[in-house]
C-alpha atoms as a PDB file:
ATOM      1  CA  MET A   1       0.000   0.000   0.000  1.00  0.00           C
ATOM      2  CA  LYS A   2       2.851   2.384   0.790  1.00  0.00           C
ATOM      3  CA  HIS A   3       4.294   1.852  -2.696  1.00  0.00           C
ATOM      4  CA  ARG A   4       0.899   2.475  -4.294  1.00  0.00           C
ATOM      5  CA  ILE A   5       0.484   5.797  -2.481  1.00  0.00           C
ATOM      6  CA  ILE A   6       4.012   6.971  -3.284  1.00  0.00           C
ATOM      7  CA  PHE A   7       3.615   5.961  -6.929  1.00  0.00           C
ATOM      8  CA  ALA A   8       0.272   7.793  -7.215  1.00  0.00           C
ATOM      9  CA  VAL A   9       1.751  10.952  -5.694  1.00  0.00           C
ATOM     10  CA  LEU A  10       4.816  10.925  -7.958  1.00  0.00           C
ATOM     11  CA  MET A  11       2.943   9.998 -11.131  1.00  0.00           C
ATOM     12  CA  SER A  12       0.163  12.523 -10.563  1.00  0.00           C
ATOM     13  CA  PHE A  13       2.692  15.233  -9.698  1.00  0.00           C
ATOM     14  CA  THR A  14       4.655  14.658 -12.888  1.00  0.00           C
ATOM     15  CA  LEU A  15       1.700  14.310 -15.247  1.00  0.00           C
ATOM     16  CA  SER A  16      -0.296  17.205 -13.817  1.00  0.00           C
ATOM     17  CA  LEU A  17       2.756  19.487 -13.828  1.00  0.00           C
ATOM     18  CA  PHE A  18       3.588  18.884 -17.487  1.00  0.00           C
ATOM     19  CA  MET A  19       0.009  18.651 -18.747  1.00  0.00           C
ATOM     20  CA  SER A  20      -1.074  21.851 -17.000  1.00  0.00           C
ATOM     21  CA  ALA A  21       1.982  23.615 -18.467  1.00  0.00           C
ATOM     22  CA  TRP A  22       1.159  22.370 -21.949  1.00  0.00           C
ATOM     23  CA  ILE A  23      -2.538  23.261 -21.814  1.00  0.00           C
ATOM     24  CA  THR A  24      -1.800  26.672 -20.295  1.00  0.00           C
ATOM     25  CA  TYR A  25       0.725  27.341 -23.060  1.00  0.00           C
ATOM     26  CA  VAL A  26      -1.682  26.196 -25.791  1.00  0.00           C
ATOM     27  CA  ASN A  27      -4.462  28.390 -24.406  1.00  0.00           C
ATOM     28  CA  MET A  28      -2.421  31.490 -23.523  1.00  0.00           C
ATOM     29  CA  GLY A  29       0.958  31.320 -25.220  1.00  0.00           C
ATOM     30  CA  ALA A  30       4.132  32.601 -23.616  1.00  0.00           C
ATOM     31  CA  THR A  31       2.632  35.589 -21.830  1.00  0.00           C
ATOM     32  CA  PRO A  32       4.318  37.411 -18.944  1.00  0.00           C
ATOM     33  CA  ASP A  33       1.783  35.838 -16.540  1.00  0.00           C
ATOM     34  CA  PHE A  34       2.306  32.306 -17.876  1.00  0.00           C
ATOM     35  CA  VAL A  35       3.882  30.873 -14.717  1.00  0.00           C
ATOM     36  CA  SER A  36       1.174  32.339 -12.501  1.00  0.00           C
ATOM     37  CA  PHE A  37      -1.631  30.875 -14.615  1.00  0.00           C
ATOM     38  CA  TRP A  38       0.233  27.579 -14.948  1.00  0.00           C
ATOM     39  CA  MET A  39       0.681  27.227 -11.189  1.00  0.00           C
ATOM     40  CA  SER A  40      -2.991  28.039 -10.610  1.00  0.00           C
ATOM     41  CA  ALA A  41      -3.983  25.316 -13.074  1.00  0.00           C
ATOM     42  CA  TRP A  42      -1.510  22.844 -11.571  1.00  0.00           C
ATOM     43  CA  VAL A  43      -2.741  23.396  -8.000  1.00  0.00           C
ATOM     44  CA  LEU A  44      -6.219  22.402  -9.181  1.00  0.00           C
ATOM     45  CA  ALA A  45      -5.041  19.523 -11.363  1.00  0.00           C
ATOM     46  CA  TRP A  46      -2.690  17.715  -8.972  1.00  0.00           C
ATOM     47  CA  PRO A  47      -5.269  16.604  -6.367  1.00  0.00           C
ATOM     48  CA  ALA A  48      -7.606  15.327  -9.073  1.00  0.00           C
ATOM     49  CA  ALA A  49      -4.760  13.516 -10.830  1.00  0.00           C
ATOM     50  CA  GLY A  50      -3.657  12.015  -7.506  1.00  0.00           C
ATOM     51  CA  ILE A  51      -7.060  10.580  -6.737  1.00  0.00           C
ATOM     52  CA  ILE A  52      -7.457   9.255 -10.285  1.00  0.00           C
ATOM     53  CA  SER A  53      -3.970   7.679 -10.200  1.00  0.00           C
ATOM     54  CA  PHE A  54      -4.612   6.023  -6.854  1.00  0.00           C
ATOM     55  CA  ILE A  55      -7.998   4.605  -7.873  1.00  0.00           C
ATOM     56  CA  ALA A  56      -7.347   3.727 -11.524  1.00  0.00           C
ATOM     57  CA  GLY A  57      -3.678   2.713 -11.197  1.00  0.00           C
ATOM     58  CA  PRO A  58      -4.117  -0.931 -10.154  1.00  0.00           C
ATOM     59  CA  PHE A  59      -6.797  -1.558 -12.788  1.00  0.00           C
ATOM     60  CA  LEU A  60      -4.740   0.051 -15.546  1.00  0.00           C
ATOM     61  CA  HIS A  61      -1.616  -1.826 -14.471  1.00  0.00           C
ATOM     62  CA  GLY A  62      -3.485  -5.125 -14.752  1.00  0.00           C
ATOM     63  CA  PHE A  63      -5.064  -4.129 -18.057  1.00  0.00           C
ATOM     64  CA  ALA A  64      -1.673  -3.161 -19.495  1.00  0.00           C
ATOM     65  CA  GLN A  65      -0.294  -6.518 -18.364  1.00  0.00           C
ATOM     66  CA  LYS A  66      -3.098  -8.364 -20.176  1.00  0.00           C
ATOM     67  CA  ILE A  67      -2.445  -6.383 -23.359  1.00  0.00           C
ATOM     68  CA  ALA A  68       1.308  -6.973 -23.120  1.00  0.00           C
ATOM     69  CA  ASN A  69       0.777 -10.711 -22.666  1.00  0.00           C
ATOM     70  CA  LYS A  70      -1.300 -10.867 -25.871  1.00  0.00           C
ATOM     71  CA  ILE A  71       1.228  -9.101 -28.094  1.00  0.00           C
END
């Protein structure tokens, strides 16, 4: 369980950080306030990504294993 929590925190941190940066850039471009808007988006995205990673992670890991075994 400890591993699952740590993995969910690290994975959600990484994905939400980069995805919020990308979406903020696509929507706003490289404006002077980019970092401020990006951090606001990331603060909202990380908790949601963490919960999704924790809940969906085991299912998706098993599903990926089934797919990998078939190919």
